[in-house]
Amino acid sequence: SPRLVETLAEGTVITAASAGSAHT
């Protein structure tokens, strides 16, 4: 089930995403 990604550097703001075969 969806889990927050907490490995991003502090203050990082994500605006878009794309997903491939086994990468993001």
PDB file of all heavy atoms in Angstrom:
ATOM      1  N   SER A   1       0.864  -1.184   0.000  1.00  0.00           N
ATOM      2  CA  SER A   1       0.000   0.000   0.000  1.00  0.00           C
ATOM      3  C   SER A   1       0.896   1.229   0.000  1.00  0.00           C
ATOM      4  O   SER A   1       2.056   1.155   0.424  1.00  0.00           O
ATOM      5  CB  SER A   1      -0.934   0.011   1.218  1.00  0.00           C
ATOM      6  OG  SER A   1      -0.202   0.119   2.414  1.00  0.00           O
ATOM      7  N   PRO A   2       0.405   2.360  -0.494  1.00  0.00           N
ATOM      8  CA  PRO A   2       1.256   3.542  -0.633  1.00  0.00           C
ATOM      9  C   PRO A   2       1.985   3.911   0.654  1.00  0.00           C
ATOM     10  O   PRO A   2       1.402   3.971   1.728  1.00  0.00           O
ATOM     11  CB  PRO A   2       0.254   4.628  -1.039  1.00  0.00           C
ATOM     12  CG  PRO A   2      -0.808   3.885  -1.781  1.00  0.00           C
ATOM     13  CD  PRO A   2      -0.955   2.587  -1.045  1.00  0.00           C
ATOM     14  N   ARG A   3       3.285   4.161   0.494  1.00  0.00           N
ATOM     15  CA  ARG A   3       4.132   4.556   1.610  1.00  0.00           C
ATOM     16  C   ARG A   3       4.869   5.836   1.214  1.00  0.00           C
ATOM     17  O   ARG A   3       5.389   5.949   0.100  1.00  0.00           O
ATOM     18  CB  ARG A   3       5.136   3.452   1.928  1.00  0.00           C
ATOM     19  CG  ARG A   3       6.114   3.796   3.052  1.00  0.00           C
ATOM     20  CD  ARG A   3       7.205   2.762   3.205  1.00  0.00           C
ATOM     21  NE  ARG A   3       6.684   1.443   3.549  1.00  0.00           N
ATOM     22  CZ  ARG A   3       7.450   0.370   3.755  1.00  0.00           C
ATOM     23  NH1 ARG A   3       8.785   0.470   3.624  1.00  0.00           N
ATOM     24  NH2 ARG A   3       6.907  -0.798   4.061  1.00  0.00           N
ATOM     25  N   LEU A   4       4.936   6.803   2.133  1.00  0.00           N
ATOM     26  CA  LEU A   4       5.641   8.043   1.857  1.00  0.00           C
ATOM     27  C   LEU A   4       7.129   7.779   1.657  1.00  0.00           C
ATOM     28  O   LEU A   4       7.734   7.000   2.393  1.00  0.00           O
ATOM     29  CB  LEU A   4       5.444   9.030   3.005  1.00  0.00           C
ATOM     30  CG  LEU A   4       4.023   9.562   3.221  1.00  0.00           C
ATOM     31  CD1 LEU A   4       3.994  10.462   4.454  1.00  0.00           C
ATOM     32  CD2 LEU A   4       3.520  10.306   1.994  1.00  0.00           C
ATOM     33  N   VAL A   5       7.706   8.424   0.658  1.00  0.00           N
ATOM     34  CA  VAL A   5       9.142   8.313   0.410  1.00  0.00           C
ATOM     35  C   VAL A   5       9.845   9.303   1.327  1.00  0.00           C
ATOM     36  O   VAL A   5       9.729  10.522   1.159  1.00  0.00           O
ATOM     37  CB  VAL A   5       9.469   8.616  -1.059  1.00  0.00           C
ATOM     38  CG1 VAL A   5      10.984   8.601  -1.289  1.00  0.00           C
ATOM     39  CG2 VAL A   5       8.787   7.590  -1.969  1.00  0.00           C
ATOM     40  N   GLU A   6      10.579   8.785   2.285  1.00  0.00           N
ATOM     41  CA  GLU A   6      11.225   9.619   3.297  1.00  0.00           C
ATOM     42  C   GLU A   6      12.728   9.738   3.090  1.00  0.00           C
ATOM     43  O   GLU A   6      13.446  10.248   3.958  1.00  0.00           O
ATOM     44  CB  GLU A   6      10.916   9.064   4.687  1.00  0.00           C
ATOM     45  CG  GLU A   6       9.414   9.061   5.005  1.00  0.00           C
ATOM     46  CD  GLU A   6       9.096   8.491   6.374  1.00  0.00           C
ATOM     47  OE1 GLU A   6       9.962   7.781   6.923  1.00  0.00           O
ATOM     48  OE2 GLU A   6       7.998   8.763   6.888  1.00  0.00           O
ATOM     49  N   THR A   7      13.200   9.270   1.941  1.00  0.00           N
ATOM     50  CA  THR A   7      14.633   9.322   1.652  1.00  0.00           C
ATOM     51  C   THR A   7      15.023  10.581   0.891  1.00  0.00           C
ATOM     52  O   THR A   7      16.207  10.782   0.608  1.00  0.00           O
ATOM     53  CB  THR A   7      15.051   8.093   0.834  1.00  0.00           C
ATOM     54  OG1 THR A   7      14.232   8.019  -0.342  1.00  0.00           O
ATOM     55  CG2 THR A   7      14.885   6.815   1.636  1.00  0.00           C
ATOM     56  N   LEU A   8      14.058  11.426   0.545  1.00  0.00           N
ATOM     57  CA  LEU A   8      14.365  12.667  -0.152  1.00  0.00           C
ATOM     58  C   LEU A   8      15.050  13.641   0.804  1.00  0.00           C
ATOM     59  O   LEU A   8      14.760  13.664   1.997  1.00  0.00           O
ATOM     60  CB  LEU A   8      13.092  13.305  -0.696  1.00  0.00           C
ATOM     61  CG  LEU A   8      12.370  12.542  -1.810  1.00  0.00           C
ATOM     62  CD1 LEU A   8      10.973  13.112  -2.017  1.00  0.00           C
ATOM     63  CD2 LEU A   8      13.171  12.618  -3.106  1.00  0.00           C
ATOM     64  N   ALA A   9      15.926  14.458   0.263  1.00  0.00           N
ATOM     65  CA  ALA A   9      16.595  15.467   1.082  1.00  0.00           C
ATOM     66  C   ALA A   9      15.562  16.430   1.661  1.00  0.00           C
ATOM     67  O   ALA A   9      14.551  16.737   1.022  1.00  0.00           O
ATOM     68  CB  ALA A   9      17.614  16.227   0.239  1.00  0.00           C
ATOM     69  N   GLU A  10      15.819  16.898   2.872  1.00  0.00           N
ATOM     70  CA  GLU A  10      14.886  17.805   3.536  1.00  0.00           C
ATOM     71  C   GLU A  10      14.631  19.043   2.677  1.00  0.00           C
ATOM     72  O   GLU A  10      15.559  19.643   2.131  1.00  0.00           O
ATOM     73  CB  GLU A  10      15.447  18.225   4.895  1.00  0.00           C
ATOM     74  CG  GLU A  10      14.498  19.088   5.703  1.00  0.00           C
ATOM     75  CD  GLU A  10      15.037  19.411   7.082  1.00  0.00           C
ATOM     76  OE1 GLU A  10      16.141  18.911   7.408  1.00  0.00           O
ATOM     77  OE2 GLU A  10      14.369  20.163   7.814  1.00  0.00           O
ATOM     78  N   GLY A  11      13.380  19.409   2.526  1.00  0.00           N
ATOM     79  CA  GLY A  11      13.015  20.577   1.745  1.00  0.00           C
ATOM     80  C   GLY A  11      12.765  20.305   0.278  1.00  0.00           C
ATOM     81  O   GLY A  11      12.344  21.216  -0.454  1.00  0.00           O
ATOM     82  N   THR A  12      12.990  19.072  -0.181  1.00  0.00           N
ATOM     83  CA  THR A  12      12.743  18.734  -1.578  1.00  0.00           C
ATOM     84  C   THR A  12      11.249  18.730  -1.862  1.00  0.00           C
ATOM     85  O   THR A  12      10.481  18.067  -1.168  1.00  0.00           O
ATOM     86  CB  THR A  12      13.332  17.353  -1.926  1.00  0.00           C
ATOM     87  OG1 THR A  12      14.739  17.358  -1.678  1.00  0.00           O
ATOM     88  CG2 THR A  12      13.083  17.018  -3.397  1.00  0.00           C
ATOM     89  N   VAL A  13      10.840  19.464  -2.881  1.00  0.00           N
ATOM     90  CA  VAL A  13       9.444  19.528  -3.294  1.00  0.00           C
ATOM     91  C   VAL A  13       9.322  18.888  -4.672  1.00  0.00           C
ATOM     92  O   VAL A  13       9.917  19.364  -5.640  1.00  0.00           O
ATOM     93  CB  VAL A  13       8.935  20.982  -3.341  1.00  0.00           C
ATOM     94  CG1 VAL A  13       7.515  21.043  -3.896  1.00  0.00           C
ATOM     95  CG2 VAL A  13       8.988  21.600  -1.956  1.00  0.00           C
ATOM     96  N   ILE A  14       8.569  17.802  -4.763  1.00  0.00           N
ATOM     97  CA  ILE A  14       8.393  17.096  -6.027  1.00  0.00           C
ATOM     98  C   ILE A  14       7.127  17.590  -6.712  1.00  0.00           C
ATOM     99  O   ILE A  14       6.074  17.723  -6.090  1.00  0.00           O
ATOM    100  CB  ILE A  14       8.320  15.575  -5.795  1.00  0.00           C
ATOM    101  CG1 ILE A  14       9.604  15.079  -5.120  1.00  0.00           C
ATOM    102  CG2 ILE A  14       8.079  14.839  -7.112  1.00  0.00           C
ATOM    103  CD1 ILE A  14      10.870  15.342  -5.927  1.00  0.00           C
ATOM    104  N   THR A  15       7.230  17.858  -8.009  1.00  0.00           N
ATOM    105  CA  THR A  15       6.094  18.381  -8.768  1.00  0.00           C
ATOM    106  C   THR A  15       5.564  17.412  -9.822  1.00  0.00           C
ATOM    107  O   THR A  15       4.442  17.573 -10.286  1.00  0.00           O
ATOM    108  CB  THR A  15       6.473  19.693  -9.470  1.00  0.00           C
ATOM    109  OG1 THR A  15       7.579  19.450 -10.359  1.00  0.00           O
ATOM    110  CG2 THR A  15       6.887  20.743  -8.443  1.00  0.00           C
ATOM    111  N   ALA A  16       6.364  16.422 -10.206  1.00  0.00           N
ATOM    112  CA  ALA A  16       5.934  15.471 -11.236  1.00  0.00           C
ATOM    113  C   ALA A  16       6.723  14.181 -11.087  1.00  0.00           C
ATOM    114  O   ALA A  16       7.791  14.149 -10.472  1.00  0.00           O
ATOM    115  CB  ALA A  16       6.137  16.048 -12.637  1.00  0.00           C
ATOM    116  N   ALA A  17       6.187  13.108 -11.670  1.00  0.00           N
ATOM    117  CA  ALA A  17       6.852  11.803 -11.617  1.00  0.00           C
ATOM    118  C   ALA A  17       6.568  11.030 -12.888  1.00  0.00           C
ATOM    119  O   ALA A  17       5.554  11.254 -13.567  1.00  0.00           O
ATOM    120  CB  ALA A  17       6.376  11.005 -10.409  1.00  0.00           C
ATOM    121  N   SER A  18       7.465  10.118 -13.204  1.00  0.00           N
ATOM    122  CA  SER A  18       7.276   9.193 -14.309  1.00  0.00           C
ATOM    123  C   SER A  18       7.853   7.847 -13.880  1.00  0.00           C
ATOM    124  O   SER A  18       8.845   7.804 -13.141  1.00  0.00           O
ATOM    125  CB  SER A  18       7.985   9.701 -15.562  1.00  0.00           C
ATOM    126  OG  SER A  18       7.732   8.871 -16.680  1.00  0.00           O
ATOM    127  N   ALA A  19       7.223   6.768 -14.312  1.00  0.00           N
ATOM    128  CA  ALA A  19       7.657   5.433 -13.886  1.00  0.00           C
ATOM    129  C   ALA A  19       7.928   4.550 -15.094  1.00  0.00           C
ATOM    130  O   ALA A  19       7.121   4.499 -16.029  1.00  0.00           O
ATOM    131  CB  ALA A  19       6.582   4.786 -13.006  1.00  0.00           C
ATOM    132  N   GLY A  20       9.058   3.855 -15.076  1.00  0.00           N
ATOM    133  CA  GLY A  20       9.418   2.953 -16.153  1.00  0.00           C
ATOM    134  C   GLY A  20       9.232   1.505 -15.730  1.00  0.00           C
ATOM    135  O   GLY A  20       8.442   1.195 -14.831  1.00  0.00           O
ATOM    136  N   SER A  21       9.981   0.613 -16.345  1.00  0.00           N
ATOM    137  CA  SER A  21       9.817  -0.815 -16.072  1.00  0.00           C
ATOM    138  C   SER A  21      10.155  -1.143 -14.623  1.00  0.00           C
ATOM    139  O   SER A  21       9.383  -1.806 -13.936  1.00  0.00           O
ATOM    140  CB  SER A  21      10.697  -1.640 -17.022  1.00  0.00           C
ATOM    141  OG  SER A  21      12.053  -1.224 -16.925  1.00  0.00           O
ATOM    142  N   ALA A  22      11.280  -0.669 -14.144  1.00  0.00           N
ATOM    143  CA  ALA A  22      11.676  -0.901 -12.749  1.00  0.00           C
ATOM    144  C   ALA A  22      12.504   0.272 -12.255  1.00  0.00           C
ATOM    145  O   ALA A  22      13.462   0.110 -11.514  1.00  0.00           O
ATOM    146  CB  ALA A  22      12.450  -2.203 -12.613  1.00  0.00           C
ATOM    147  N   HIS A  23      12.143   1.462 -12.675  1.00  0.00           N
ATOM    148  CA  HIS A  23      12.809   2.662 -12.193  1.00  0.00           C
ATOM    149  C   HIS A  23      11.826   3.824 -12.180  1.00  0.00           C
ATOM    150  O   HIS A  23      10.762   3.760 -12.783  1.00  0.00           O
ATOM    151  CB  HIS A  23      14.047   2.990 -13.028  1.00  0.00           C
ATOM    152  CG  HIS A  23      13.783   3.316 -14.457  1.00  0.00           C
ATOM    153  ND1 HIS A  23      13.341   2.391 -15.364  1.00  0.00           N
ATOM    154  CD2 HIS A  23      13.895   4.491 -15.137  1.00  0.00           C
ATOM    155  CE1 HIS A  23      13.197   2.964 -16.554  1.00  0.00           C
ATOM    156  NE2 HIS A  23      13.516   4.238 -16.441  1.00  0.00           N
ATOM    157  N   THR A  24      12.189   4.865 -11.450  1.00  0.00           N
ATOM    158  CA  THR A  24      11.303   6.004 -11.247  1.00  0.00           C
ATOM    159  C   THR A  24      12.072   7.299 -11.458  1.00  0.00           C
ATOM    160  O   THR A  24      13.221   7.423 -11.039  1.00  0.00           O
ATOM    161  CB  THR A  24      10.729   5.981  -9.814  1.00  0.00           C
ATOM    162  OG1 THR A  24       9.977   4.786  -9.625  1.00  0.00           O
ATOM    163  CG2 THR A  24       9.835   7.185  -9.557  1.00  0.00           C
TER     164      THR A  24
END
